[in-house]
Amino acid sequence: MPNASSTRTEPGSPEAIPAADWNARNRGANPFSDHRFLAALDQAGCVGTALGWSGGALSAGSDAYAPAWLKTHSHGEFVFDQVWAHAAHSAGLAWYPKLLVAIPLTPVTGPRLLADSAAGKAELITRLEQLVQDRGLSCCGVNFCDQDDAEALSRAGWLARSDWQFHWFNRGWADFEAFLADLSTKPRKNIRRERRLAHADGWRYRFVDGRSIRPEEIELVERCYRTTFMQYGNLPLLNRNFFERCARSFGEQFLVCIASQDDEDLACSVFWKNQRRLYGRYWGALVETRDVHFEACYYQGIEYCIEHGLEAFEPGAQGEHKIRRGFVPVPTRSFHYIAHPGLREGIRRWLEAETSALQQYRCELETMIPYRSEITR
């Protein structure tokens, strides 16, 4: 294994960096910035050069790291830059390959510049910029970064971009009915109706975690994930090996809500958690169902947070339909270094217009929040 103090000049395997060194700088113990998650993706073959995700880890000295990749496409990022790629190609510039600091297939906010100090973050940023220049790349993006990283990247002059996700926050409710009591009448009735339908016709729900999950339940997770991804025309990059590795390495932090009908397991949603938050990640079903999806992905998660005293629940990207189910808009952030001055200026102006539109959208979302009193977070 390479010495942890050596500096990587470009992204390499995350397994070349000791897990303890990496995780010591994973602020908030975010499960997706965790070395275990990145190693599982790598070891299970869910990323790699053939799939357009080359690398996985960049170091600056012995105490600063970033989940960095050389990308040959824009899939699996959830910060959509295809318009920028088209503008670059129209101007005769190559957009790919590009440099990306992100967690593959995971639009969850967390630390991206893993360093103990402002100086360490600054060194990482400098190394990213230098790598773009040395390799003749078009750009570098840092996606879904936390507030600490956002401040460092803003100081470095990177272009800022934002969007909205919808999260649920625990106000200390004693149970699900207490949560419903804080909603206005129509959303409360709709949720009760959805839950009745989701529990009709013999449907039942149970949670299992990585310590107790059985091989046939792991097989269900993989089958449901693959079936649903292919149904919507998406490439299912995750596999059984990945889910097995995550269950084994994360233990009680890896959760699956399994939906069964008449004792037959037919659908599931996959979650991760830490001491403060629950994260909903993957949903899949072997049969066509609507209300079961809402129950397994949202309401079971809310109940779990209430019962276990978790502060917040992040159910995944997009979907303003989540608002009427108790979720509220929360900003996400990404930052971008564009090598070509003219392209950078064009993207800067484009971002100004997008930011203005997103602010107007936020005002519209505010009118949809279902709580009878202002929610605090």
Protein backbone atom coordinates (compact mmCIF):
# COMPACT_ATOMS: atom_id res chain seq x y z
CA MET A 1 0.00 0.00 0.00
CA PRO A 2 1.39 3.46 -0.87
CA ASN A 3 2.50 5.69 1.96
CA ALA A 4 -0.43 7.83 3.11
CA SER A 5 1.83 10.87 3.18
CA SER A 6 2.51 10.69 -0.56
CA THR A 7 0.66 13.16 -2.74
CA ARG A 8 -1.49 11.84 -5.56
CA THR A 9 -1.07 13.92 -8.68
CA GLU A 10 -4.36 12.63 -10.10
CA PRO A 11 -7.26 10.51 -8.84
CA GLY A 12 -6.49 6.93 -7.88
CA SER A 13 -8.25 4.13 -6.05
CA PRO A 14 -9.69 5.06 -2.64
CA GLU A 15 -8.22 1.85 -1.31
CA ALA A 16 -4.74 3.37 -1.65
CA ILE A 17 -5.59 5.71 1.24
CA PRO A 18 -5.99 4.20 4.74
CA ALA A 19 -9.63 4.18 5.76
CA ALA A 20 -8.86 5.58 9.23
CA ASP A 21 -7.05 8.61 7.76
CA TRP A 22 -9.88 9.28 5.31
CA ASN A 23 -12.72 8.85 7.81
CA ALA A 24 -11.03 10.99 10.46
CA ARG A 25 -11.75 13.94 8.14
CA ASN A 26 -15.29 12.91 7.18
CA ARG A 27 -17.15 15.71 8.94
CA GLY A 28 -20.44 14.64 10.49
CA ALA A 29 -19.72 10.96 9.82
CA ASN A 30 -21.54 11.23 6.49
CA PRO A 31 -22.11 7.63 5.33
CA PHE A 32 -21.54 8.40 1.64
CA SER A 33 -18.30 10.31 2.13
CA ASP A 34 -17.22 7.34 4.25
CA HIS A 35 -14.33 5.27 2.95
CA ARG A 36 -16.50 2.14 3.26
CA PHE A 37 -19.02 3.43 0.72
CA LEU A 38 -16.41 4.42 -1.84
CA ALA A 39 -14.51 1.17 -1.36
CA ALA A 40 -17.71 -0.84 -1.85
CA LEU A 41 -18.40 0.93 -5.16
CA ASP A 42 -14.84 0.25 -6.30
CA GLN A 43 -14.58 -3.36 -5.13
CA ALA A 44 -17.98 -4.30 -6.56
CA GLY A 45 -17.12 -2.87 -9.98
CA CYS A 46 -19.83 -0.18 -9.91
CA VAL A 47 -17.29 2.47 -10.96
CA GLY A 48 -14.20 2.31 -13.13
CA THR A 49 -12.67 3.57 -16.35
CA ALA A 50 -14.96 1.44 -18.52
CA LEU A 51 -17.98 3.03 -16.82
CA GLY A 52 -16.70 6.60 -17.13
CA TRP A 53 -15.75 6.95 -13.46
CA SER A 54 -11.96 6.79 -13.28
CA GLY A 55 -10.12 7.26 -9.98
CA GLY A 56 -12.00 7.85 -6.75
CA ALA A 57 -9.52 9.58 -4.45
CA LEU A 58 -7.14 12.52 -4.61
CA SER A 59 -4.75 13.52 -1.86
CA ALA A 60 -2.89 16.72 -1.06
CA GLY A 61 -0.15 15.89 1.42
CA SER A 62 -0.84 13.47 4.24
CA ASP A 63 -4.03 14.96 5.68
CA ALA A 64 -6.23 16.26 2.86
CA TYR A 65 -8.32 14.10 0.54
CA ALA A 66 -11.17 14.39 -1.95
CA PRO A 67 -13.43 11.84 -3.70
CA ALA A 68 -12.29 12.85 -7.19
CA TRP A 69 -12.96 11.29 -10.58
CA LEU A 70 -12.05 11.74 -14.21
CA LYS A 71 -15.40 11.59 -16.05
CA THR A 72 -16.17 10.91 -19.70
CA HIS A 73 -19.91 11.66 -19.37
CA SER A 74 -22.32 13.47 -17.03
CA HIS A 75 -24.45 10.53 -15.85
CA GLY A 76 -24.89 9.75 -12.18
CA GLU A 77 -24.05 13.27 -10.98
CA PHE A 78 -27.47 14.93 -10.40
CA VAL A 79 -25.97 18.36 -11.11
CA PHE A 80 -26.90 18.62 -14.74
CA ASP A 81 -24.29 20.24 -16.98
CA GLN A 82 -25.34 18.91 -20.37
CA VAL A 83 -26.27 22.45 -21.50
CA TRP A 84 -22.73 23.55 -20.66
CA ALA A 85 -21.31 20.57 -22.55
CA HIS A 86 -23.39 21.50 -25.59
CA ALA A 87 -22.20 25.13 -25.41
CA ALA A 88 -18.60 23.98 -25.20
CA HIS A 89 -18.96 21.65 -28.18
CA SER A 90 -20.70 24.37 -30.19
CA ALA A 91 -17.68 26.60 -29.57
CA GLY A 92 -15.31 23.86 -30.69
CA LEU A 93 -14.19 23.01 -27.16
CA ALA A 94 -14.05 19.55 -25.64
CA TRP A 95 -16.10 19.19 -22.42
CA TYR A 96 -15.05 15.60 -21.70
CA PRO A 97 -13.05 14.32 -19.99
CA LYS A 98 -13.65 16.50 -16.96
CA LEU A 99 -12.74 16.38 -13.29
CA LEU A 100 -15.47 15.80 -10.71
CA VAL A 101 -15.40 15.78 -6.91
CA ALA A 102 -18.52 13.92 -5.86
CA ILE A 103 -19.98 10.69 -4.56
CA PRO A 104 -21.08 8.59 -7.55
CA LEU A 105 -24.82 8.11 -8.03
CA THR A 106 -25.48 9.88 -4.71
CA PRO A 107 -27.04 13.36 -4.60
CA VAL A 108 -26.53 13.80 -0.86
CA THR A 109 -24.87 16.84 0.72
CA GLY A 110 -21.69 16.10 2.64
CA PRO A 111 -18.00 16.95 2.96
CA ARG A 112 -16.03 16.84 -0.27
CA LEU A 113 -12.77 18.56 0.74
CA LEU A 114 -11.67 16.27 3.55
CA ALA A 115 -9.10 18.34 5.44
CA ASP A 116 -8.45 19.38 9.02
CA SER A 117 -7.70 23.02 8.25
CA ALA A 118 -8.46 25.89 5.90
CA ALA A 119 -4.92 25.53 4.56
CA GLY A 120 -5.58 21.86 3.73
CA LYS A 121 -8.76 22.78 1.84
CA ALA A 122 -6.93 25.51 -0.03
CA GLU A 123 -4.21 23.05 -1.03
CA LEU A 124 -6.82 20.61 -2.32
CA ILE A 125 -8.49 23.36 -4.35
CA THR A 126 -5.15 24.39 -5.83
CA ARG A 127 -4.37 20.79 -6.72
CA LEU A 128 -7.73 20.38 -8.44
CA GLU A 129 -7.19 23.53 -10.49
CA GLN A 130 -3.66 22.44 -11.39
CA LEU A 131 -4.89 19.01 -12.47
CA VAL A 132 -7.40 20.63 -14.82
CA GLN A 133 -4.62 22.72 -16.35
CA ASP A 134 -2.01 19.94 -16.51
CA ARG A 135 -4.37 17.43 -18.12
CA GLY A 136 -6.02 19.97 -20.44
CA LEU A 137 -9.43 19.28 -18.92
CA SER A 138 -12.44 21.54 -19.42
CA CYS A 139 -13.47 21.96 -15.81
CA CYS A 140 -13.78 20.65 -12.29
CA GLY A 141 -17.04 20.42 -10.36
CA VAL A 142 -17.55 19.87 -6.64
CA ASN A 143 -21.09 18.56 -6.21
CA PHE A 144 -23.36 18.54 -3.13
CA CYS A 145 -20.72 20.04 -0.86
CA ASP A 146 -21.40 21.11 2.72
CA GLN A 147 -21.24 24.65 4.08
CA ASP A 148 -17.57 24.44 5.11
CA ASP A 149 -16.53 23.45 1.60
CA ALA A 150 -18.83 26.03 0.05
CA GLU A 151 -17.09 28.80 1.96
CA ALA A 152 -13.64 27.58 0.89
CA LEU A 153 -14.63 27.24 -2.77
CA SER A 154 -16.34 30.62 -2.76
CA ARG A 155 -13.16 32.24 -1.43
CA ALA A 156 -11.24 30.56 -4.24
CA GLY A 157 -13.51 32.22 -6.79
CA TRP A 158 -15.25 29.11 -8.15
CA LEU A 159 -18.67 29.57 -9.74
CA ALA A 160 -21.49 28.71 -7.37
CA ARG A 161 -24.61 26.77 -8.31
CA SER A 162 -27.57 25.77 -6.17
CA ASP A 163 -30.75 23.75 -6.33
CA TRP A 164 -33.49 22.51 -4.00
CA GLN A 165 -34.07 19.20 -2.29
CA PHE A 166 -36.87 18.28 0.10
CA HIS A 167 -36.02 17.09 3.62
CA TRP A 168 -38.05 16.24 6.71
CA PHE A 169 -37.09 17.66 10.11
CA ASN A 170 -38.05 16.20 13.46
CA ARG A 171 -39.75 18.66 15.81
CA GLY A 172 -39.79 16.23 18.71
CA TRP A 173 -43.08 14.56 17.82
CA ALA A 174 -44.04 11.68 20.11
CA ASP A 175 -45.39 9.58 17.23
CA PHE A 176 -46.63 9.75 13.64
CA GLU A 177 -50.07 10.98 14.72
CA ALA A 178 -48.47 13.90 16.54
CA PHE A 179 -46.63 14.76 13.34
CA LEU A 180 -49.89 14.63 11.38
CA ALA A 181 -51.55 16.91 13.92
CA ASP A 182 -49.16 19.70 12.91
CA LEU A 183 -50.23 19.52 9.26
CA SER A 184 -53.11 21.38 7.74
CA THR A 185 -56.32 19.45 7.14
CA LYS A 186 -56.02 18.43 3.48
CA PRO A 187 -52.44 17.05 3.60
CA ARG A 188 -53.26 15.22 6.83
CA LYS A 189 -56.29 13.52 5.24
CA ASN A 190 -54.33 12.65 2.10
CA ILE A 191 -51.53 11.01 4.09
CA ARG A 192 -53.98 8.97 6.16
CA ARG A 193 -55.70 7.81 3.00
CA GLU A 194 -52.41 6.84 1.35
CA ARG A 195 -51.34 4.89 4.41
CA ARG A 196 -54.65 3.02 4.55
CA LEU A 197 -54.26 2.00 0.91
CA ALA A 198 -50.61 1.07 1.44
CA HIS A 199 -51.59 -1.34 4.25
CA ALA A 200 -54.63 -2.80 2.45
CA ASP A 201 -54.68 -6.04 0.47
CA GLY A 202 -52.25 -7.82 2.77
CA TRP A 203 -49.32 -5.37 2.48
CA ARG A 204 -46.95 -5.30 5.48
CA TYR A 205 -43.62 -3.58 6.16
CA ARG A 206 -40.53 -4.44 8.16
CA PHE A 207 -37.03 -2.99 8.64
CA VAL A 208 -33.89 -5.11 8.55
CA ASP A 209 -30.34 -3.83 8.92
CA GLY A 210 -26.93 -4.97 7.77
CA ARG A 211 -26.38 -7.08 10.87
CA SER A 212 -29.43 -9.28 10.36
CA ILE A 213 -30.26 -9.10 6.65
CA ARG A 214 -30.50 -12.54 5.03
CA PRO A 215 -29.01 -13.54 1.62
CA GLU A 216 -32.47 -13.75 0.07
CA GLU A 217 -33.22 -10.23 1.28
CA ILE A 218 -30.03 -8.92 -0.32
CA GLU A 219 -31.14 -10.68 -3.51
CA LEU A 220 -34.50 -8.88 -3.24
CA VAL A 221 -32.73 -5.51 -2.91
CA GLU A 222 -30.69 -6.15 -6.05
CA ARG A 223 -33.67 -7.47 -8.05
CA CYS A 224 -35.93 -4.57 -7.06
CA TYR A 225 -33.24 -2.00 -7.78
CA ARG A 226 -32.39 -3.48 -11.17
CA THR A 227 -36.03 -4.02 -12.20
CA THR A 228 -37.11 -0.49 -11.40
CA PHE A 229 -34.05 1.18 -12.96
CA MET A 230 -34.48 -0.75 -16.21
CA GLN A 231 -38.22 -0.06 -16.23
CA TYR A 232 -37.47 3.67 -16.45
CA GLY A 233 -34.71 3.27 -19.02
CA ASN A 234 -31.82 3.85 -16.61
CA LEU A 235 -28.62 1.84 -16.41
CA PRO A 236 -28.49 -0.05 -13.07
CA LEU A 237 -24.83 0.32 -12.07
CA LEU A 238 -25.16 -1.13 -8.58
CA ASN A 239 -25.11 -4.89 -8.03
CA ARG A 240 -25.55 -7.54 -5.38
CA ASN A 241 -21.85 -7.45 -4.49
CA PHE A 242 -22.16 -3.74 -3.67
CA PHE A 243 -25.21 -4.22 -1.44
CA GLU A 244 -23.58 -7.18 0.31
CA ARG A 245 -20.42 -5.19 1.02
CA CYS A 246 -22.41 -2.23 2.34
CA ALA A 247 -24.55 -4.41 4.59
CA ARG A 248 -21.48 -6.12 5.99
CA SER A 249 -19.36 -2.99 6.49
CA PHE A 250 -22.07 -0.55 7.67
CA GLY A 251 -24.02 -2.97 9.85
CA GLU A 252 -26.82 -1.19 11.68
CA GLN A 253 -26.27 1.94 9.56
CA PHE A 254 -27.51 0.07 6.48
CA LEU A 255 -31.30 -0.35 6.52
CA VAL A 256 -33.85 -1.90 4.21
CA CYS A 257 -37.61 -1.44 4.50
CA ILE A 258 -39.15 -4.52 2.90
CA ALA A 259 -42.74 -4.50 1.68
CA SER A 260 -44.49 -7.86 1.49
CA GLN A 261 -47.93 -8.89 0.35
CA ASP A 262 -49.39 -12.03 1.85
CA ASP A 263 -45.91 -12.94 3.16
CA GLU A 264 -44.24 -12.54 -0.25
CA ASP A 265 -41.48 -9.89 -0.41
CA LEU A 266 -42.18 -7.72 -3.45
CA ALA A 267 -40.64 -4.27 -2.91
CA CYS A 268 -38.08 -2.46 -0.80
CA SER A 269 -36.42 0.85 -0.09
CA VAL A 270 -32.78 1.15 1.02
CA PHE A 271 -31.57 3.62 3.63
CA TRP A 272 -28.39 4.63 5.40
CA LYS A 273 -28.21 6.46 8.72
CA ASN A 274 -25.79 8.07 11.12
CA GLN A 275 -26.42 9.38 14.62
CA ARG A 276 -28.43 12.35 13.36
CA ARG A 277 -29.95 11.60 9.97
CA LEU A 278 -31.72 9.01 7.90
CA TYR A 279 -30.95 8.93 4.18
CA GLY A 280 -33.31 7.30 1.70
CA ARG A 281 -31.42 6.02 -1.34
CA TYR A 282 -32.89 3.30 -3.57
CA TRP A 283 -36.42 2.09 -4.22
CA GLY A 284 -37.54 -0.83 -6.28
CA ALA A 285 -40.51 -3.13 -6.76
CA LEU A 286 -41.26 -6.36 -8.59
CA VAL A 287 -44.90 -5.39 -9.11
CA GLU A 288 -46.66 -2.20 -10.10
CA THR A 289 -47.60 -0.23 -7.01
CA ARG A 290 -48.11 3.41 -6.07
CA ASP A 291 -49.12 3.76 -2.44
CA VAL A 292 -46.60 1.13 -1.34
CA HIS A 293 -43.86 3.36 -2.78
CA PHE A 294 -44.94 6.34 -0.67
CA GLU A 295 -45.21 4.18 2.43
CA ALA A 296 -41.86 2.41 2.07
CA CYS A 297 -39.90 5.46 0.93
CA TYR A 298 -41.44 8.27 3.00
CA TYR A 299 -43.82 7.36 5.79
CA GLN A 300 -41.85 4.41 7.13
CA GLY A 301 -38.78 6.65 7.13
CA ILE A 302 -40.57 9.40 9.04
CA GLU A 303 -41.83 6.89 11.61
CA TYR A 304 -38.33 5.47 11.96
CA CYS A 305 -36.88 8.93 12.67
CA ILE A 306 -39.54 9.69 15.27
CA GLU A 307 -39.10 6.34 17.01
CA HIS A 308 -35.29 6.55 17.04
CA GLY A 309 -34.89 10.26 17.74
CA LEU A 310 -33.17 11.17 14.46
CA GLU A 311 -33.12 14.86 13.62
CA ALA A 312 -33.74 14.75 9.88
CA PHE A 313 -34.66 12.54 6.94
CA GLU A 314 -33.28 13.09 3.43
CA PRO A 315 -35.32 10.94 1.02
CA GLY A 316 -33.36 11.67 -2.17
CA ALA A 317 -33.23 14.18 -5.00
CA GLN A 318 -36.01 16.13 -6.69
CA GLY A 319 -39.74 15.65 -6.28
CA GLU A 320 -41.80 18.60 -5.07
CA HIS A 321 -44.60 16.08 -4.42
CA LYS A 322 -42.71 15.39 -1.18
CA ILE A 323 -43.72 18.79 0.22
CA ARG A 324 -47.34 17.86 0.89
CA ARG A 325 -46.01 14.80 2.73
CA GLY A 326 -44.13 16.91 5.27
CA PHE A 327 -40.82 17.63 3.55
CA VAL A 328 -39.53 21.18 3.12
CA PRO A 329 -37.18 22.84 0.59
CA VAL A 330 -33.48 22.86 1.48
CA PRO A 331 -30.71 24.29 -0.72
CA THR A 332 -27.96 22.16 -2.21
CA ARG A 333 -24.67 23.57 -3.48
CA SER A 334 -22.08 22.83 -6.13
CA PHE A 335 -19.04 24.81 -7.29
CA HIS A 336 -17.34 24.85 -10.67
CA TYR A 337 -13.91 25.77 -12.00
CA ILE A 338 -14.03 26.40 -15.77
CA ALA A 339 -10.69 26.49 -17.55
CA HIS A 340 -11.59 28.51 -20.66
CA PRO A 341 -12.13 32.22 -19.80
CA GLY A 342 -14.81 32.80 -22.45
CA LEU A 343 -16.74 29.67 -21.54
CA ARG A 344 -16.43 30.56 -17.87
CA GLU A 345 -17.98 33.98 -18.48
CA GLY A 346 -20.84 32.48 -20.48
CA ILE A 347 -21.57 29.93 -17.74
CA ARG A 348 -21.36 32.66 -15.08
CA ARG A 349 -24.12 34.64 -16.85
CA TRP A 350 -26.17 31.45 -17.33
CA LEU A 351 -25.90 30.75 -13.60
CA GLU A 352 -27.13 34.24 -12.75
CA ALA A 353 -30.31 33.60 -14.72
CA GLU A 354 -30.73 30.12 -13.23
CA THR A 355 -30.26 31.44 -9.69
CA SER A 356 -32.93 34.09 -10.23
CA ALA A 357 -35.36 31.45 -11.53
CA LEU A 358 -34.61 29.15 -8.58
CA GLN A 359 -35.31 31.98 -6.13
CA GLN A 360 -38.71 32.51 -7.73
CA TYR A 361 -39.32 28.78 -7.58
CA ARG A 362 -38.51 28.82 -3.87
CA CYS A 363 -41.25 31.40 -3.31
CA GLU A 364 -43.71 29.09 -5.07
CA LEU A 365 -42.59 26.16 -2.94
CA GLU A 366 -43.15 28.18 0.22
CA THR A 367 -46.88 28.32 -0.52
CA MET A 368 -47.01 24.50 -0.66
CA ILE A 369 -45.53 23.77 2.78
CA PRO A 370 -48.30 21.93 4.70
CA TYR A 371 -47.45 22.78 8.31
CA ARG A 372 -49.91 24.81 10.33
CA SER A 373 -47.02 26.68 11.96
CA GLU A 374 -43.59 27.64 10.68
CA ILE A 375 -41.21 24.70 10.79
CA THR A 376 -37.80 25.23 12.34
CA ARG A 377 -34.64 23.56 11.15
